[in-house]
Amino acid sequence: MKVYPAGPMRSIPQFNFPAFDAGTEQLRAMGIEVFSPAERDRREDDFDPSAMSGTDEELVEVGFSLRDALGDDLEYICKEADAVVVLPGWERSSGAKAEVATAKALSLPVYELDDIVGRGVDRAIDISKQPDQPIQVKAESFTVNTVPDTKIDPRSGLLIDPP
């Protein structure tokens, strides 16, 4: 099995490379082939984030191309990966969400790292098959529950193009 680990990088010290390295090590110990974006960045771009705090400005300063990196990562998902494995906090990462969306568009399974390591490949739950969870929005004295991608008219509060 070939997997791509997806997770947050920007706004995290060392661009979260230690978490990617640890997850990659756990998956390889299970006999899984891993294309790690952290390893790719080190190898292809000679990128060393060890003294960095994870800002976009740092990427610009060292001439790192986010477009090239994400392009390579998405190409791997599209052409090689059998699954995507998400690291904790992936939901807050625009890059990881794009990688998960790509996996879903290709009908590839998406597993949480802790689940695939804890249960094994055969018993891990494919989170791409789970229904989208409602989003809860709180405002002053009332709560609105809606599903993702639902649009609400800001003036009337009515649904626009209900799903």
C-alpha atoms as a PDB file:
ATOM      1  CA  MET A   1       0.000   0.000   0.000  1.00  0.00           C
ATOM      2  CA  LYS A   2       1.253   3.486  -0.910  1.00  0.00           C
ATOM      3  CA  VAL A   3       0.076   6.382   1.239  1.00  0.00           C
ATOM      4  CA  TYR A   4       0.453  10.129   1.400  1.00  0.00           C
ATOM      5  CA  PRO A   5       0.395  11.747   4.880  1.00  0.00           C
ATOM      6  CA  ALA A   6      -1.527  15.034   4.957  1.00  0.00           C
ATOM      7  CA  GLY A   7      -1.467  17.509   7.790  1.00  0.00           C
ATOM      8  CA  PRO A   8      -0.847  21.070   8.845  1.00  0.00           C
ATOM      9  CA  MET A   9       2.555  22.613   8.140  1.00  0.00           C
ATOM     10  CA  ARG A  10       2.319  26.388   8.021  1.00  0.00           C
ATOM     11  CA  SER A  11       1.979  28.288  11.304  1.00  0.00           C
ATOM     12  CA  ILE A  12       3.585  25.380  13.169  1.00  0.00           C
ATOM     13  CA  PRO A  13       7.203  25.417  14.382  1.00  0.00           C
ATOM     14  CA  GLN A  14       9.552  23.601  11.988  1.00  0.00           C
ATOM     15  CA  PHE A  15       6.599  23.422   9.590  1.00  0.00           C
ATOM     16  CA  ASN A  16       5.437  20.392  11.605  1.00  0.00           C
ATOM     17  CA  PHE A  17       8.188  18.202  10.107  1.00  0.00           C
ATOM     18  CA  PRO A  18       8.669  16.295  13.412  1.00  0.00           C
ATOM     19  CA  ALA A  19       5.020  15.127  13.294  1.00  0.00           C
ATOM     20  CA  PHE A  20       5.365  14.109   9.630  1.00  0.00           C
ATOM     21  CA  ASP A  21       8.600  12.254  10.424  1.00  0.00           C
ATOM     22  CA  ALA A  22       7.042  10.400  13.363  1.00  0.00           C
ATOM     23  CA  GLY A  23       3.922   9.473  11.372  1.00  0.00           C
ATOM     24  CA  THR A  24       6.021   8.320   8.428  1.00  0.00           C
ATOM     25  CA  GLU A  25       8.119   6.144  10.737  1.00  0.00           C
ATOM     26  CA  GLN A  26       5.000   4.554  12.269  1.00  0.00           C
ATOM     27  CA  LEU A  27       3.508   3.786   8.857  1.00  0.00           C
ATOM     28  CA  ARG A  28       6.751   2.333   7.494  1.00  0.00           C
ATOM     29  CA  ALA A  29       7.036   0.110  10.572  1.00  0.00           C
ATOM     30  CA  MET A  30       3.723  -1.394   9.411  1.00  0.00           C
ATOM     31  CA  GLY A  31       5.205  -2.140   5.982  1.00  0.00           C
ATOM     32  CA  ILE A  32       3.429   0.755   4.264  1.00  0.00           C
ATOM     33  CA  GLU A  33       5.177   2.727   1.512  1.00  0.00           C
ATOM     34  CA  VAL A  34       5.044   6.461   2.341  1.00  0.00           C
ATOM     35  CA  PHE A  35       5.570   9.565   0.214  1.00  0.00           C
ATOM     36  CA  SER A  36       6.255  12.158   2.910  1.00  0.00           C
ATOM     37  CA  PRO A  37       5.949  15.822   1.912  1.00  0.00           C
ATOM     38  CA  ALA A  38       8.524  16.649   4.608  1.00  0.00           C
ATOM     39  CA  GLU A  39      11.039  14.248   3.088  1.00  0.00           C
ATOM     40  CA  ARG A  40      10.216  15.535  -0.393  1.00  0.00           C
ATOM     41  CA  ASP A  41      10.859  19.126   0.696  1.00  0.00           C
ATOM     42  CA  ARG A  42      14.192  18.194   2.267  1.00  0.00           C
ATOM     43  CA  ARG A  43      15.292  16.098  -0.707  1.00  0.00           C
ATOM     44  CA  GLU A  44      14.037  18.149  -3.662  1.00  0.00           C
ATOM     45  CA  ASP A  45      14.415  21.664  -2.270  1.00  0.00           C
ATOM     46  CA  ASP A  46      17.189  21.164   0.302  1.00  0.00           C
ATOM     47  CA  PHE A  47      14.717  22.703   2.751  1.00  0.00           C
ATOM     48  CA  ASP A  48      15.688  22.799   6.432  1.00  0.00           C
ATOM     49  CA  PRO A  49      12.915  24.122   8.697  1.00  0.00           C
ATOM     50  CA  SER A  50      14.634  23.269  11.983  1.00  0.00           C
ATOM     51  CA  ALA A  51      15.027  26.917  13.071  1.00  0.00           C
ATOM     52  CA  MET A  52      11.785  28.187  11.508  1.00  0.00           C
ATOM     53  CA  SER A  53       8.478  29.076  13.126  1.00  0.00           C
ATOM     54  CA  GLY A  54       6.315  28.076  10.136  1.00  0.00           C
ATOM     55  CA  THR A  55       5.493  31.396   8.474  1.00  0.00           C
ATOM     56  CA  ASP A  56       4.870  32.131   4.803  1.00  0.00           C
ATOM     57  CA  GLU A  57       7.507  34.877   5.041  1.00  0.00           C
ATOM     58  CA  GLU A  58      10.135  32.279   5.926  1.00  0.00           C
ATOM     59  CA  LEU A  59       9.225  30.294   2.819  1.00  0.00           C
ATOM     60  CA  VAL A  60       9.652  33.403   0.674  1.00  0.00           C
ATOM     61  CA  GLU A  61      12.987  34.255   2.330  1.00  0.00           C
ATOM     62  CA  VAL A  62      14.495  30.877   1.418  1.00  0.00           C
ATOM     63  CA  GLY A  63      12.929  30.775  -2.056  1.00  0.00           C
ATOM     64  CA  PHE A  64      10.686  27.796  -1.306  1.00  0.00           C
ATOM     65  CA  SER A  65       7.950  27.332  -3.923  1.00  0.00           C
ATOM     66  CA  LEU A  66       4.715  26.281  -2.269  1.00  0.00           C
ATOM     67  CA  ARG A  67       3.197  25.854  -5.743  1.00  0.00           C
ATOM     68  CA  ASP A  68       5.868  23.367  -6.787  1.00  0.00           C
ATOM     69  CA  ALA A  69       5.656  21.447  -3.512  1.00  0.00           C
ATOM     70  CA  LEU A  70       1.856  21.187  -3.510  1.00  0.00           C
ATOM     71  CA  GLY A  71       1.929  20.329  -7.213  1.00  0.00           C
ATOM     72  CA  ASP A  72       4.299  17.417  -6.538  1.00  0.00           C
ATOM     73  CA  ASP A  73       2.208  16.271  -3.577  1.00  0.00           C
ATOM     74  CA  LEU A  74      -1.057  16.335  -5.526  1.00  0.00           C
ATOM     75  CA  GLU A  75       0.605  14.576  -8.463  1.00  0.00           C
ATOM     76  CA  TYR A  76       1.632  11.745  -6.132  1.00  0.00           C
ATOM     77  CA  ILE A  77      -1.892  11.475  -4.742  1.00  0.00           C
ATOM     78  CA  CYS A  78      -3.370  11.445  -8.256  1.00  0.00           C
ATOM     79  CA  LYS A  79      -0.931   9.022  -9.851  1.00  0.00           C
ATOM     80  CA  GLU A  80       0.508   6.806  -7.120  1.00  0.00           C
ATOM     81  CA  ALA A  81      -1.285   6.862  -3.766  1.00  0.00           C
ATOM     82  CA  ASP A  82      -3.614   4.114  -2.617  1.00  0.00           C
ATOM     83  CA  ALA A  83      -4.763   6.231   0.345  1.00  0.00           C
ATOM     84  CA  VAL A  84      -4.238   9.476   2.240  1.00  0.00           C
ATOM     85  CA  VAL A  85      -3.470   9.357   5.967  1.00  0.00           C
ATOM     86  CA  VAL A  86      -4.305  12.519   7.901  1.00  0.00           C
ATOM     87  CA  LEU A  87      -2.298  13.797  10.841  1.00  0.00           C
ATOM     88  CA  PRO A  88      -3.902  15.546  13.820  1.00  0.00           C
ATOM     89  CA  GLY A  89      -5.061  19.070  12.999  1.00  0.00           C
ATOM     90  CA  TRP A  90      -5.434  18.437   9.258  1.00  0.00           C
ATOM     91  CA  GLU A  91      -8.871  20.109   9.278  1.00  0.00           C
ATOM     92  CA  ARG A  92      -7.207  23.497   9.940  1.00  0.00           C
ATOM     93  CA  SER A  93      -4.865  23.214   6.957  1.00  0.00           C
ATOM     94  CA  SER A  94      -5.909  24.483   3.533  1.00  0.00           C
ATOM     95  CA  GLY A  95      -3.250  22.297   1.904  1.00  0.00           C
ATOM     96  CA  ALA A  96      -4.314  19.138   3.753  1.00  0.00           C
ATOM     97  CA  LYS A  97      -7.966  19.859   2.958  1.00  0.00           C
ATOM     98  CA  ALA A  98      -7.035  20.139  -0.742  1.00  0.00           C
ATOM     99  CA  GLU A  99      -5.179  16.821  -0.520  1.00  0.00           C
ATOM    100  CA  VAL A 100      -8.136  15.122   1.192  1.00  0.00           C
ATOM    101  CA  ALA A 101     -10.545  16.610  -1.373  1.00  0.00           C
ATOM    102  CA  THR A 102      -8.338  15.227  -4.147  1.00  0.00           C
ATOM    103  CA  ALA A 103      -8.369  11.783  -2.525  1.00  0.00           C
ATOM    104  CA  LYS A 104     -12.161  11.925  -2.203  1.00  0.00           C
ATOM    105  CA  ALA A 105     -12.534  13.008  -5.846  1.00  0.00           C
ATOM    106  CA  LEU A 106     -10.487   9.956  -6.836  1.00  0.00           C
ATOM    107  CA  SER A 107     -12.403   7.636  -4.461  1.00  0.00           C
ATOM    108  CA  LEU A 108      -9.237   6.957  -2.477  1.00  0.00           C
ATOM    109  CA  PRO A 109      -9.671   6.082   1.192  1.00  0.00           C
ATOM    110  CA  VAL A 110      -8.675   8.632   3.832  1.00  0.00           C
ATOM    111  CA  TYR A 111      -7.558   7.349   7.229  1.00  0.00           C
ATOM    112  CA  GLU A 112      -6.604   9.075  10.461  1.00  0.00           C
ATOM    113  CA  LEU A 113      -3.022   8.264  11.481  1.00  0.00           C
ATOM    114  CA  ASP A 114      -3.937   7.113  14.994  1.00  0.00           C
ATOM    115  CA  ASP A 115      -6.681   4.863  13.617  1.00  0.00           C
ATOM    116  CA  ILE A 116      -4.597   3.134  10.946  1.00  0.00           C
ATOM    117  CA  VAL A 117      -1.698   2.653  13.393  1.00  0.00           C
ATOM    118  CA  GLY A 118      -4.003   1.453  16.184  1.00  0.00           C
ATOM    119  CA  ARG A 119      -6.356  -0.788  14.195  1.00  0.00           C
ATOM    120  CA  GLY A 120      -4.248  -1.692  11.196  1.00  0.00           C
ATOM    121  CA  VAL A 121      -4.946  -1.118   7.519  1.00  0.00           C
ATOM    122  CA  ASP A 122      -7.721  -3.703   7.276  1.00  0.00           C
ATOM    123  CA  ARG A 123      -9.734  -2.364  10.222  1.00  0.00           C
ATOM    124  CA  ALA A 124      -9.118   1.394   9.963  1.00  0.00           C
ATOM    125  CA  ILE A 125     -12.163   3.546   9.240  1.00  0.00           C
ATOM    126  CA  ASP A 126     -12.218   5.358   5.907  1.00  0.00           C
ATOM    127  CA  ILE A 127     -13.282   8.857   6.963  1.00  0.00           C
ATOM    128  CA  SER A 128     -13.944   9.863   3.355  1.00  0.00           C
ATOM    129  CA  LYS A 129     -17.043   7.631   3.479  1.00  0.00           C
ATOM    130  CA  GLN A 130     -18.480   9.355   6.535  1.00  0.00           C
ATOM    131  CA  PRO A 131     -21.148  11.989   5.909  1.00  0.00           C
ATOM    132  CA  ASP A 132     -20.101  15.607   6.288  1.00  0.00           C
ATOM    133  CA  GLN A 133     -20.715  16.792   9.798  1.00  0.00           C
ATOM    134  CA  PRO A 134     -23.046  19.746  10.289  1.00  0.00           C
ATOM    135  CA  ILE A 135     -21.359  23.039  11.021  1.00  0.00           C
ATOM    136  CA  GLN A 136     -22.677  24.868  14.063  1.00  0.00           C
ATOM    137  CA  VAL A 137     -22.643  28.652  13.928  1.00  0.00           C
ATOM    138  CA  LYS A 138     -23.423  30.655  17.084  1.00  0.00           C
ATOM    139  CA  ALA A 139     -24.519  34.266  16.971  1.00  0.00           C
ATOM    140  CA  GLU A 140     -25.626  36.330  19.954  1.00  0.00           C
ATOM    141  CA  SER A 141     -28.792  34.553  21.143  1.00  0.00           C
ATOM    142  CA  PHE A 142     -29.425  31.789  18.620  1.00  0.00           C
ATOM    143  CA  THR A 143     -27.695  28.832  16.969  1.00  0.00           C
ATOM    144  CA  VAL A 144     -27.956  27.850  13.313  1.00  0.00           C
ATOM    145  CA  ASN A 145     -27.085  24.308  12.263  1.00  0.00           C
ATOM    146  CA  THR A 146     -26.269  23.851   8.588  1.00  0.00           C
ATOM    147  CA  VAL A 147     -24.428  21.414   6.363  1.00  0.00           C
ATOM    148  CA  PRO A 148     -21.171  22.347   4.620  1.00  0.00           C
ATOM    149  CA  ASP A 149     -21.476  24.417   1.434  1.00  0.00           C
ATOM    150  CA  THR A 150     -24.914  25.762   2.411  1.00  0.00           C
ATOM    151  CA  LYS A 151     -25.308  29.448   1.587  1.00  0.00           C
ATOM    152  CA  ILE A 152     -27.382  31.770   3.743  1.00  0.00           C
ATOM    153  CA  ASP A 153     -28.536  35.218   2.658  1.00  0.00           C
ATOM    154  CA  PRO A 154     -26.973  37.603   5.209  1.00  0.00           C
ATOM    155  CA  ARG A 155     -29.908  40.020   5.134  1.00  0.00           C
ATOM    156  CA  SER A 156     -32.830  37.614   5.335  1.00  0.00           C
ATOM    157  CA  GLY A 157     -31.182  34.627   6.996  1.00  0.00           C
ATOM    158  CA  LEU A 158     -32.853  32.337   4.436  1.00  0.00           C
ATOM    159  CA  LEU A 159     -31.169  29.508   2.585  1.00  0.00           C
ATOM    160  CA  ILE A 160     -29.937  30.244  -0.924  1.00  0.00           C
ATOM    161  CA  ASP A 161     -30.022  27.195  -3.216  1.00  0.00           C
ATOM    162  CA  PRO A 162     -30.781  24.646  -0.485  1.00  0.00           C
ATOM    163  CA  PRO A 163     -28.964  21.294  -0.948  1.00  0.00           C
END
